[in-house]
């Protein structure tokens, strides 16, 4: 198969480089590995970013939950309760507990629901 080279010198040079690159298995493999490495690094970075957001969201919910317990049930607020809440990282559970705190009439009712 005959390959027609472009007449413009810069295009011709770029085409020749591309042709050499495609014919070199080592270069293709290295380029593939590099692109996979970059893709993996981006994936890890995005995962860490999302994990950081989730941790920040859990921390905010913990703080708000503790604030509402202090406000609504000041006699029942203890360090033990605060530590228990601060250990929880599950955002869904923290949101559920917050709803319970806002709806509960008594601390006993809240305690029963939180388990």
N, C-alpha and C. Protein backbone atom coordinates (compact mmCIF):
# COMPACT_ATOMS: atom_id res chain seq x y z
N UNK A 1 0.85 -1.18 0.00
CA UNK A 1 0.00 0.00 0.00
C UNK A 1 0.88 1.24 0.00
N UNK A 2 0.64 2.12 -0.94
CA UNK A 2 1.43 3.32 -1.08
C UNK A 2 0.79 4.44 -0.25
N UNK A 3 1.63 5.11 0.55
CA UNK A 3 1.15 6.20 1.40
C UNK A 3 1.53 7.52 0.76
N UNK A 4 0.56 8.39 0.56
CA UNK A 4 0.84 9.71 0.01
C UNK A 4 1.13 10.67 1.16
N UNK A 5 2.29 11.28 1.14
CA UNK A 5 2.66 12.23 2.17
C UNK A 5 2.15 13.61 1.82
N UNK A 6 1.72 14.38 2.83
CA UNK A 6 1.29 15.76 2.57
C UNK A 6 2.45 16.58 2.03
N UNK A 7 2.13 17.62 1.30
CA UNK A 7 3.18 18.46 0.71
C UNK A 7 3.70 19.50 1.69
N UNK A 8 2.85 19.99 2.58
CA UNK A 8 3.27 21.01 3.55
C UNK A 8 4.32 20.40 4.48
N UNK A 9 5.48 21.06 4.67
CA UNK A 9 6.58 20.47 5.44
C UNK A 9 6.21 20.09 6.88
N UNK A 10 5.44 20.95 7.55
CA UNK A 10 5.08 20.64 8.93
C UNK A 10 4.13 19.45 9.00
N UNK A 11 3.18 19.40 8.09
CA UNK A 11 2.26 18.26 8.04
C UNK A 11 3.00 16.98 7.69
N UNK A 12 3.93 17.10 6.77
CA UNK A 12 4.73 15.95 6.36
C UNK A 12 5.53 15.42 7.55
N UNK A 13 6.15 16.31 8.30
CA UNK A 13 6.94 15.92 9.47
C UNK A 13 6.04 15.27 10.53
N UNK A 14 4.89 15.84 10.79
CA UNK A 14 3.96 15.29 11.79
C UNK A 14 3.48 13.91 11.34
N UNK A 15 3.18 13.77 10.05
CA UNK A 15 2.73 12.49 9.52
C UNK A 15 3.82 11.44 9.66
N UNK A 16 5.06 11.79 9.36
CA UNK A 16 6.17 10.84 9.48
C UNK A 16 6.39 10.41 10.93
N UNK A 17 6.27 11.36 11.85
CA UNK A 17 6.40 11.03 13.28
C UNK A 17 5.30 10.06 13.69
N UNK A 18 4.09 10.35 13.26
CA UNK A 18 2.95 9.50 13.60
C UNK A 18 3.15 8.10 13.03
N UNK A 19 3.60 8.04 11.79
CA UNK A 19 3.82 6.75 11.14
C UNK A 19 4.90 5.95 11.87
N UNK A 20 5.98 6.62 12.27
CA UNK A 20 7.05 5.93 13.03
C UNK A 20 6.50 5.46 14.38
N UNK A 21 5.72 6.30 15.00
CA UNK A 21 5.15 5.98 16.31
C UNK A 21 4.25 4.74 16.21
N UNK A 22 3.39 4.71 15.20
CA UNK A 22 2.46 3.59 15.05
C UNK A 22 3.17 2.30 14.72
N UNK A 23 4.30 2.40 14.10
CA UNK A 23 5.06 1.20 13.75
C UNK A 23 5.94 0.70 14.88
N UNK A 24 6.03 1.43 15.98
CA UNK A 24 6.91 1.06 17.08
C UNK A 24 6.07 0.54 18.25
N UNK A 25 6.10 -0.79 18.44
CA UNK A 25 5.30 -1.40 19.51
C UNK A 25 5.69 -0.90 20.89
N UNK A 26 6.97 -0.68 21.12
CA UNK A 26 7.42 -0.20 22.43
C UNK A 26 6.84 1.18 22.74
N UNK A 27 6.86 2.06 21.74
CA UNK A 27 6.31 3.40 21.93
C UNK A 27 4.80 3.34 22.18
N UNK A 28 4.11 2.51 21.41
CA UNK A 28 2.66 2.38 21.60
C UNK A 28 2.34 1.84 22.99
N UNK A 29 3.09 0.84 23.43
CA UNK A 29 2.87 0.26 24.76
C UNK A 29 3.17 1.28 25.85
N UNK A 30 4.25 2.02 25.70
CA UNK A 30 4.60 3.05 26.69
C UNK A 30 3.54 4.14 26.73
N UNK A 31 3.06 4.54 25.58
CA UNK A 31 2.02 5.58 25.52
C UNK A 31 0.73 5.07 26.16
N UNK A 32 0.40 3.81 25.90
CA UNK A 32 -0.80 3.24 26.50
C UNK A 32 -0.67 3.18 28.02
N UNK A 33 0.49 2.72 28.49
CA UNK A 33 0.71 2.65 29.94
C UNK A 33 0.63 4.03 30.57
N UNK A 34 1.20 5.01 29.91
CA UNK A 34 1.17 6.37 30.44
C UNK A 34 -0.27 6.89 30.49
N UNK A 35 -1.03 6.65 29.44
CA UNK A 35 -2.42 7.14 29.43
C UNK A 35 -3.24 6.41 30.50
N UNK A 36 -2.99 5.12 30.70
CA UNK A 36 -3.69 4.37 31.75
C UNK A 36 -3.29 4.88 33.13
N UNK A 37 -2.02 5.21 33.28
CA UNK A 37 -1.54 5.74 34.56
C UNK A 37 -2.21 7.07 34.87
N UNK A 38 -2.31 7.93 33.88
CA UNK A 38 -2.97 9.23 34.06
C UNK A 38 -4.44 9.04 34.39
N UNK A 39 -5.10 8.10 33.70
CA UNK A 39 -6.51 7.81 33.96
C UNK A 39 -6.70 7.30 35.38
N UNK A 40 -5.82 6.41 35.83
CA UNK A 40 -5.90 5.87 37.18
C UNK A 40 -5.67 6.96 38.22
N UNK A 41 -4.68 7.82 37.98
CA UNK A 41 -4.42 8.93 38.91
C UNK A 41 -5.62 9.85 39.03
N UNK A 42 -6.25 10.15 37.90
CA UNK A 42 -7.45 11.00 37.92
C UNK A 42 -8.58 10.33 38.69
N UNK A 43 -8.73 9.04 38.47
CA UNK A 43 -9.77 8.28 39.16
C UNK A 43 -9.54 8.28 40.67
N UNK A 44 -8.30 8.07 41.09
CA UNK A 44 -7.96 8.07 42.51
C UNK A 44 -8.20 9.46 43.10
N UNK A 45 -7.79 10.49 42.39
CA UNK A 45 -7.98 11.86 42.86
C UNK A 45 -9.46 12.18 43.02
N UNK A 46 -10.26 11.79 42.03
CA UNK A 46 -11.70 12.06 42.10
C UNK A 46 -12.33 11.28 43.24
N UNK A 47 -11.90 10.04 43.43
CA UNK A 47 -12.41 9.23 44.53
C UNK A 47 -12.09 9.85 45.89
N UNK A 48 -10.86 10.34 46.02
CA UNK A 48 -10.45 10.99 47.27
C UNK A 48 -11.25 12.27 47.50
N UNK A 49 -11.48 12.99 46.42
CA UNK A 49 -12.25 14.23 46.51
C UNK A 49 -13.68 13.93 46.98
N UNK A 50 -14.29 12.90 46.41
CA UNK A 50 -15.65 12.54 46.79
C UNK A 50 -15.70 12.02 48.23
N UNK A 51 -14.69 11.25 48.60
CA UNK A 51 -14.62 10.75 49.97
C UNK A 51 -14.48 11.90 50.95
N UNK A 52 -13.69 12.89 50.59
CA UNK A 52 -13.54 14.07 51.43
C UNK A 52 -14.84 14.83 51.59
N UNK A 53 -15.59 14.93 50.49
CA UNK A 53 -16.90 15.60 50.56
C UNK A 53 -17.84 14.85 51.49
N UNK A 54 -17.84 13.52 51.37
CA UNK A 54 -18.72 12.69 52.20
C UNK A 54 -18.33 12.81 53.67
N UNK A 55 -17.03 12.81 53.95
CA UNK A 55 -16.57 12.97 55.34
C UNK A 55 -16.97 14.34 55.88
N UNK A 56 -16.84 15.36 55.06
CA UNK A 56 -17.23 16.71 55.47
C UNK A 56 -18.72 16.80 55.73
N UNK A 57 -19.49 16.13 54.91
CA UNK A 57 -20.94 16.13 55.10
C UNK A 57 -21.32 15.41 56.39
N UNK A 58 -20.66 14.28 56.66
CA UNK A 58 -20.92 13.52 57.89
C UNK A 58 -20.56 14.37 59.10
N UNK A 59 -19.42 15.05 59.02
CA UNK A 59 -18.98 15.89 60.15
C UNK A 59 -19.98 17.03 60.41
N UNK A 60 -20.48 17.64 59.35
CA UNK A 60 -21.47 18.72 59.51
C UNK A 60 -22.75 18.20 60.15
N UNK A 61 -23.20 17.03 59.69
CA UNK A 61 -24.41 16.43 60.26
C UNK A 61 -24.20 16.08 61.73
N UNK A 62 -23.02 15.56 62.06
CA UNK A 62 -22.72 15.23 63.46
C UNK A 62 -22.81 16.48 64.33
N UNK A 63 -22.19 17.56 63.88
CA UNK A 63 -22.19 18.80 64.65
C UNK A 63 -23.61 19.35 64.83
N UNK A 64 -24.39 19.32 63.76
CA UNK A 64 -25.76 19.84 63.84
C UNK A 64 -26.62 18.96 64.74
N UNK A 65 -26.44 17.65 64.63
CA UNK A 65 -27.17 16.71 65.46
C UNK A 65 -26.87 16.94 66.94
N UNK A 66 -25.59 17.09 67.26
CA UNK A 66 -25.19 17.34 68.65
C UNK A 66 -25.75 18.68 69.15
N UNK A 67 -25.74 19.67 68.30
CA UNK A 67 -26.29 20.98 68.67
C UNK A 67 -27.78 20.87 69.00
N UNK A 68 -28.52 20.17 68.15
CA UNK A 68 -29.96 20.02 68.39
C UNK A 68 -30.24 19.21 69.65
N UNK A 69 -29.44 18.19 69.94
CA UNK A 69 -29.62 17.42 71.17
C UNK A 69 -29.35 18.30 72.38
N UNK A 70 -28.28 19.11 72.31
CA UNK A 70 -27.96 20.04 73.42
C UNK A 70 -29.11 21.03 73.63
N UNK A 71 -29.67 21.52 72.52
CA UNK A 71 -30.76 22.50 72.63
C UNK A 71 -32.06 21.87 73.12
N UNK A 72 -32.42 20.72 72.56
CA UNK A 72 -33.71 20.10 72.86
C UNK A 72 -33.71 19.27 74.15
N UNK A 73 -32.57 18.67 74.47
CA UNK A 73 -32.50 17.79 75.63
C UNK A 73 -31.21 18.04 76.42
N UNK A 74 -31.02 19.24 76.94
CA UNK A 74 -29.75 19.61 77.58
C UNK A 74 -29.35 18.70 78.75
N UNK A 75 -30.30 18.21 79.51
CA UNK A 75 -29.98 17.35 80.66
C UNK A 75 -29.40 16.01 80.22
N UNK A 76 -29.73 15.58 79.03
CA UNK A 76 -29.33 14.26 78.56
C UNK A 76 -28.09 14.26 77.67
N UNK A 77 -27.57 15.44 77.39
CA UNK A 77 -26.37 15.53 76.55
C UNK A 77 -25.17 15.08 77.38
N UNK A 78 -24.46 14.07 76.91
CA UNK A 78 -23.26 13.57 77.62
C UNK A 78 -22.12 13.41 76.63
N UNK A 79 -20.94 13.32 77.17
CA UNK A 79 -19.76 13.08 76.31
C UNK A 79 -19.85 11.71 75.65
N UNK A 80 -20.41 10.75 76.36
CA UNK A 80 -20.59 9.41 75.81
C UNK A 80 -21.49 9.44 74.57
N UNK A 81 -22.57 10.20 74.66
CA UNK A 81 -23.49 10.37 73.53
C UNK A 81 -22.78 11.08 72.38
N UNK A 82 -22.03 12.12 72.71
CA UNK A 82 -21.30 12.87 71.68
C UNK A 82 -20.29 11.96 70.97
N UNK A 83 -19.56 11.14 71.72
CA UNK A 83 -18.58 10.22 71.12
C UNK A 83 -19.28 9.18 70.23
N UNK A 84 -20.41 8.70 70.69
CA UNK A 84 -21.17 7.73 69.90
C UNK A 84 -21.56 8.32 68.54
N UNK A 85 -22.04 9.54 68.56
CA UNK A 85 -22.47 10.21 67.32
C UNK A 85 -21.26 10.53 66.44
N UNK A 86 -20.16 10.93 67.03
CA UNK A 86 -18.97 11.30 66.26
C UNK A 86 -18.31 10.09 65.58
N UNK A 87 -18.58 8.90 66.08
CA UNK A 87 -18.02 7.68 65.45
C UNK A 87 -18.77 7.30 64.17
N UNK A 88 -20.00 7.77 64.06
CA UNK A 88 -20.83 7.39 62.91
C UNK A 88 -20.43 8.22 61.68
N UNK A 89 -20.12 7.53 60.58
CA UNK A 89 -19.76 8.19 59.33
C UNK A 89 -20.83 8.02 58.25
N UNK A 90 -21.84 7.21 58.53
CA UNK A 90 -22.90 6.93 57.58
C UNK A 90 -23.85 8.14 57.51
N UNK A 91 -23.79 8.86 56.41
CA UNK A 91 -24.57 10.08 56.23
C UNK A 91 -26.07 9.79 56.33
N UNK A 92 -26.52 8.69 55.75
CA UNK A 92 -27.95 8.34 55.79
C UNK A 92 -28.42 8.14 57.23
N UNK A 93 -27.62 7.45 58.01
CA UNK A 93 -27.98 7.21 59.40
C UNK A 93 -28.00 8.52 60.20
N UNK A 94 -27.03 9.36 59.97
CA UNK A 94 -26.98 10.66 60.66
C UNK A 94 -28.20 11.51 60.30
N UNK A 95 -28.59 11.49 59.03
CA UNK A 95 -29.78 12.24 58.60
C UNK A 95 -31.02 11.68 59.27
N UNK A 96 -31.10 10.36 59.35
CA UNK A 96 -32.24 9.71 60.01
C UNK A 96 -32.31 10.12 61.49
N UNK A 97 -31.15 10.09 62.16
CA UNK A 97 -31.10 10.48 63.57
C UNK A 97 -31.49 11.95 63.75
N UNK A 98 -31.05 12.79 62.83
CA UNK A 98 -31.39 14.21 62.94
C UNK A 98 -32.90 14.39 62.83
N UNK A 99 -33.53 13.70 61.90
CA UNK A 99 -34.99 13.76 61.80
C UNK A 99 -35.65 13.32 63.11
N UNK A 100 -35.10 12.28 63.72
CA UNK A 100 -35.64 11.78 64.98
C UNK A 100 -35.52 12.83 66.09
N UNK A 101 -34.36 13.50 66.14
CA UNK A 101 -34.15 14.54 67.15
C UNK A 101 -35.14 15.67 66.96
N UNK A 102 -35.38 16.05 65.74
CA UNK A 102 -36.29 17.16 65.46
C UNK A 102 -37.75 16.79 65.75
N UNK A 103 -38.08 15.49 65.62
CA UNK A 103 -39.47 15.05 65.83
C UNK A 103 -39.75 14.57 67.25
N UNK A 104 -38.73 14.18 67.99
CA UNK A 104 -38.95 13.55 69.30
C UNK A 104 -39.49 14.56 70.32
N UNK A 105 -40.46 14.09 71.10
CA UNK A 105 -41.03 14.90 72.18
C UNK A 105 -40.19 14.77 73.45
N UNK A 106 -39.67 13.56 73.67
CA UNK A 106 -38.87 13.31 74.88
C UNK A 106 -37.56 12.63 74.49
N UNK A 107 -36.59 12.72 75.39
CA UNK A 107 -35.31 12.08 75.13
C UNK A 107 -35.47 10.55 75.12
N UNK A 108 -36.33 10.04 75.95
CA UNK A 108 -36.58 8.60 76.02
C UNK A 108 -37.09 8.09 74.67
N UNK A 109 -37.98 8.86 74.07
CA UNK A 109 -38.50 8.51 72.75
C UNK A 109 -37.36 8.47 71.72
N UNK A 110 -36.50 9.48 71.80
CA UNK A 110 -35.35 9.56 70.89
C UNK A 110 -34.41 8.39 71.12
N UNK A 111 -34.11 8.10 72.36
CA UNK A 111 -33.19 7.03 72.73
C UNK A 111 -33.69 5.68 72.19
N UNK A 112 -35.00 5.47 72.32
CA UNK A 112 -35.61 4.23 71.86
C UNK A 112 -35.44 4.09 70.34
N UNK A 113 -35.67 5.18 69.62
CA UNK A 113 -35.57 5.15 68.15
C UNK A 113 -34.14 4.98 67.68
N UNK A 114 -33.19 5.62 68.38
CA UNK A 114 -31.78 5.55 67.97
C UNK A 114 -31.16 4.20 68.32
N UNK A 115 -31.78 3.48 69.22
CA UNK A 115 -31.30 2.14 69.59
C UNK A 115 -30.13 2.11 70.47
